[in-house]
Amino acid sequence: MNARRPADPAQQAWALLHRFVEAQNRRGELAEALGFRLGGGRGKILFQLRDGPATLGQLAAANGIDAPYATLVVDKLEAHGLVERRPHPDDRRRKLVTLTDAGHHAIATADAILLRPPPAIRSLPADDLEQLTGLLARLLEADAAEPDEEKSSTPAAPNPGSDDSHLGSRSE
């Protein structure tokens, strides 16, 4: 298989990184361990709740979705017993979405599966791992510093989390 490589070094680096991450697909293993898939934005919202309860409005805003869609996502998480709605302490008309014990367990299970380094990374020498970690940290810092409008105005690149089978996807 002799695929043409992009001429742009940044595009080539992104294509290789994307290809490597996609080759480490653990969605099936995660679905088997949990008993269901975390698609439809459920995984993304579930992981956000690890930092503490949030209102539906906060979850919607944090994920760039509307409140009715956030409600649907939370309904699905609640149907799996991962979250529950509780009255907001300052405004009883609002509800806080909070993790249940099963939700905490699901996050721990997902972390154990998704954060397990693949053999190719484990086999790198310590110096290479240190260099790779440094480069990735710099990329994350640069990405965090970039204004959101610049991110959305750049040409669309393949998004590893955009298809249905990733944790942050929207469709079932």
Protein backbone atom coordinates (compact mmCIF):
# COMPACT_ATOMS: atom_id res chain seq x y z
CA MET A 1 0.00 0.00 0.00
CA ASN A 2 1.74 3.13 -1.21
CA ALA A 3 -0.48 6.08 -0.27
CA ARG A 4 0.58 9.57 -1.36
CA ARG A 5 1.80 11.69 1.51
CA PRO A 6 0.66 15.28 1.82
CA ALA A 7 3.28 17.83 0.74
CA ASP A 8 2.56 20.08 3.73
CA PRO A 9 4.59 18.84 6.75
CA ALA A 10 1.86 19.94 9.21
CA GLN A 11 -0.77 18.07 7.22
CA GLN A 12 1.49 15.02 7.03
CA ALA A 13 2.09 15.07 10.80
CA TRP A 14 -1.65 15.42 11.46
CA ALA A 15 -2.48 12.59 9.03
CA LEU A 16 0.03 10.27 10.71
CA LEU A 17 -1.18 11.17 14.20
CA HIS A 18 -4.80 10.66 13.16
CA ARG A 19 -3.95 7.31 11.53
CA PHE A 20 -2.14 6.10 14.66
CA VAL A 21 -4.98 7.11 17.00
CA GLU A 22 -7.60 5.51 14.75
CA ALA A 23 -5.58 2.27 14.69
CA GLN A 24 -5.90 2.12 18.49
CA ASN A 25 -9.71 1.91 18.35
CA ARG A 26 -11.03 0.66 21.68
CA ARG A 27 -14.68 1.57 21.22
CA GLY A 28 -15.75 -2.07 20.95
CA GLU A 29 -13.83 -3.04 24.06
CA LEU A 30 -15.36 -0.10 25.93
CA ALA A 31 -18.90 -0.95 24.77
CA GLU A 32 -18.41 -4.56 25.84
CA ALA A 33 -17.12 -3.55 29.28
CA LEU A 34 -19.94 -1.05 29.87
CA GLY A 35 -22.71 -3.00 28.17
CA PHE A 36 -23.58 -0.09 25.83
CA ARG A 37 -21.92 2.50 23.58
CA LEU A 38 -21.12 5.98 24.80
CA GLY A 39 -21.98 7.66 21.49
CA GLY A 40 -24.43 10.49 21.04
CA GLY A 41 -22.35 12.88 23.17
CA ARG A 42 -22.99 10.74 26.24
CA GLY A 43 -19.32 10.00 26.88
CA LYS A 44 -18.28 13.61 26.59
CA ILE A 45 -20.94 14.77 29.05
CA LEU A 46 -20.31 11.85 31.39
CA PHE A 47 -16.61 12.74 31.59
CA GLN A 48 -17.41 16.42 32.16
CA LEU A 49 -19.45 15.48 35.22
CA ARG A 50 -16.42 13.92 36.89
CA ASP A 51 -15.49 17.46 37.99
CA GLY A 52 -18.84 17.88 39.75
CA PRO A 53 -22.53 18.43 39.06
CA ALA A 54 -23.69 20.78 36.30
CA THR A 55 -27.00 22.15 35.10
CA LEU A 56 -28.39 21.16 31.73
CA GLY A 57 -27.70 24.70 30.53
CA GLN A 58 -24.06 24.47 31.58
CA LEU A 59 -23.68 21.10 29.83
CA ALA A 60 -25.31 22.46 26.68
CA ALA A 61 -23.07 25.55 26.62
CA ALA A 62 -19.90 23.54 27.31
CA ASN A 63 -20.67 21.23 24.39
CA GLY A 64 -22.01 23.76 21.88
CA ILE A 65 -25.42 22.08 21.78
CA ASP A 66 -28.90 23.32 22.54
CA ALA A 67 -30.71 22.58 25.80
CA PRO A 68 -33.20 20.09 24.27
CA TYR A 69 -30.34 18.00 22.88
CA ALA A 70 -28.49 18.17 26.22
CA THR A 71 -31.70 16.90 27.84
CA LEU A 72 -31.84 13.95 25.44
CA VAL A 73 -28.21 13.05 26.16
CA VAL A 74 -28.76 13.27 29.92
CA ASP A 75 -31.97 11.20 29.57
CA LYS A 76 -29.92 8.42 27.95
CA LEU A 77 -27.25 8.59 30.66
CA GLU A 78 -29.98 8.51 33.29
CA ALA A 79 -31.61 5.49 31.61
CA HIS A 80 -28.29 3.65 32.04
CA GLY A 81 -28.17 4.66 35.71
CA LEU A 82 -25.04 6.78 35.26
CA VAL A 83 -26.45 10.16 36.28
CA GLU A 84 -29.34 11.58 38.20
CA ARG A 85 -31.03 14.94 38.35
CA ARG A 86 -31.19 16.66 41.71
CA PRO A 87 -32.74 19.98 42.72
CA HIS A 88 -30.34 22.92 42.44
CA PRO A 89 -29.57 24.20 45.98
CA ASP A 90 -29.98 27.87 44.95
CA ASP A 91 -32.91 27.56 42.54
CA ARG A 92 -35.31 24.64 42.97
CA ARG A 93 -36.68 25.21 39.45
CA ARG A 94 -33.32 24.14 37.99
CA LYS A 95 -31.81 20.69 38.19
CA LEU A 96 -28.23 19.63 38.69
CA VAL A 97 -27.02 16.59 36.82
CA THR A 98 -24.72 14.51 38.98
CA LEU A 99 -22.92 11.18 38.64
CA THR A 100 -24.24 8.10 40.38
CA ASP A 101 -21.98 5.40 41.79
CA ALA A 102 -22.51 3.54 38.49
CA GLY A 103 -21.43 6.69 36.62
CA HIS A 104 -18.22 6.92 38.63
CA HIS A 105 -17.61 3.23 37.96
CA ALA A 106 -18.24 3.71 34.20
CA ILE A 107 -15.72 6.56 34.10
CA ALA A 108 -13.12 4.46 35.93
CA THR A 109 -13.74 1.59 33.49
CA ALA A 110 -13.47 3.91 30.50
CA ASP A 111 -10.27 5.48 31.83
CA ALA A 112 -8.72 2.04 32.37
CA ILE A 113 -9.49 1.11 28.75
CA LEU A 114 -8.96 4.40 26.91
CA LEU A 115 -5.85 5.58 28.77
CA ARG A 116 -3.97 2.28 28.50
CA PRO A 117 -0.98 3.04 26.27
CA PRO A 118 -0.74 0.89 23.15
CA PRO A 119 2.27 -1.44 22.81
CA ALA A 120 3.91 0.83 20.23
CA ILE A 121 4.08 3.67 22.76
CA ARG A 122 5.10 1.41 25.63
CA SER A 123 8.02 0.11 23.55
CA LEU A 124 9.52 3.56 22.91
CA PRO A 125 12.75 4.36 24.73
CA ALA A 126 12.42 6.74 27.69
CA ASP A 127 14.07 9.62 25.77
CA ASP A 128 11.61 9.25 22.89
CA LEU A 129 8.67 9.14 25.29
CA GLU A 130 9.90 12.29 26.99
CA GLN A 131 10.25 14.05 23.63
CA LEU A 132 6.82 12.86 22.45
CA THR A 133 5.21 13.95 25.71
CA GLY A 134 6.83 17.37 25.45
CA LEU A 135 5.66 17.84 21.86
CA LEU A 136 2.11 16.79 22.68
CA ALA A 137 2.03 19.09 25.73
CA ARG A 138 3.18 22.00 23.53
CA LEU A 139 0.46 21.19 20.99
CA LEU A 140 -2.21 21.19 23.70
CA GLU A 141 -0.93 24.50 25.10
CA ALA A 142 -0.91 26.08 21.64
CA ASP A 143 -4.39 24.76 20.91
CA ALA A 144 -5.73 26.11 24.22
CA ALA A 145 -4.20 29.53 23.48
CA GLU A 146 -5.74 29.73 20.01
CA PRO A 147 -8.99 31.74 19.87
CA ASP A 148 -12.06 29.62 19.15
CA GLU A 149 -12.94 31.67 16.07
CA GLU A 150 -9.56 30.84 14.52
CA LYS A 151 -10.11 27.15 15.18
CA SER A 152 -13.48 27.19 13.42
CA SER A 153 -12.21 29.24 10.45
CA THR A 154 -9.43 26.82 9.55
CA PRO A 155 -10.15 24.31 6.80
CA ALA A 156 -11.97 21.25 8.05
CA ALA A 157 -9.56 18.46 8.89
CA PRO A 158 -10.54 14.95 9.85
CA ASN A 159 -11.70 15.04 13.46
CA PRO A 160 -10.88 11.84 15.32
CA GLY A 161 -13.90 12.39 17.58
CA SER A 162 -16.45 13.25 14.91
CA ASP A 163 -17.75 9.89 13.79
CA ASP A 164 -20.60 8.05 15.47
CA SER A 165 -18.46 5.53 17.26
CA HIS A 166 -16.38 8.04 19.22
CA LEU A 167 -17.30 9.21 22.66
CA GLY A 168 -18.14 12.75 21.67
CA SER A 169 -20.32 11.96 18.67
CA ARG A 170 -23.87 13.12 18.23
CA SER A 171 -25.65 10.27 16.51
CA GLU A 172 -26.65 6.92 17.94
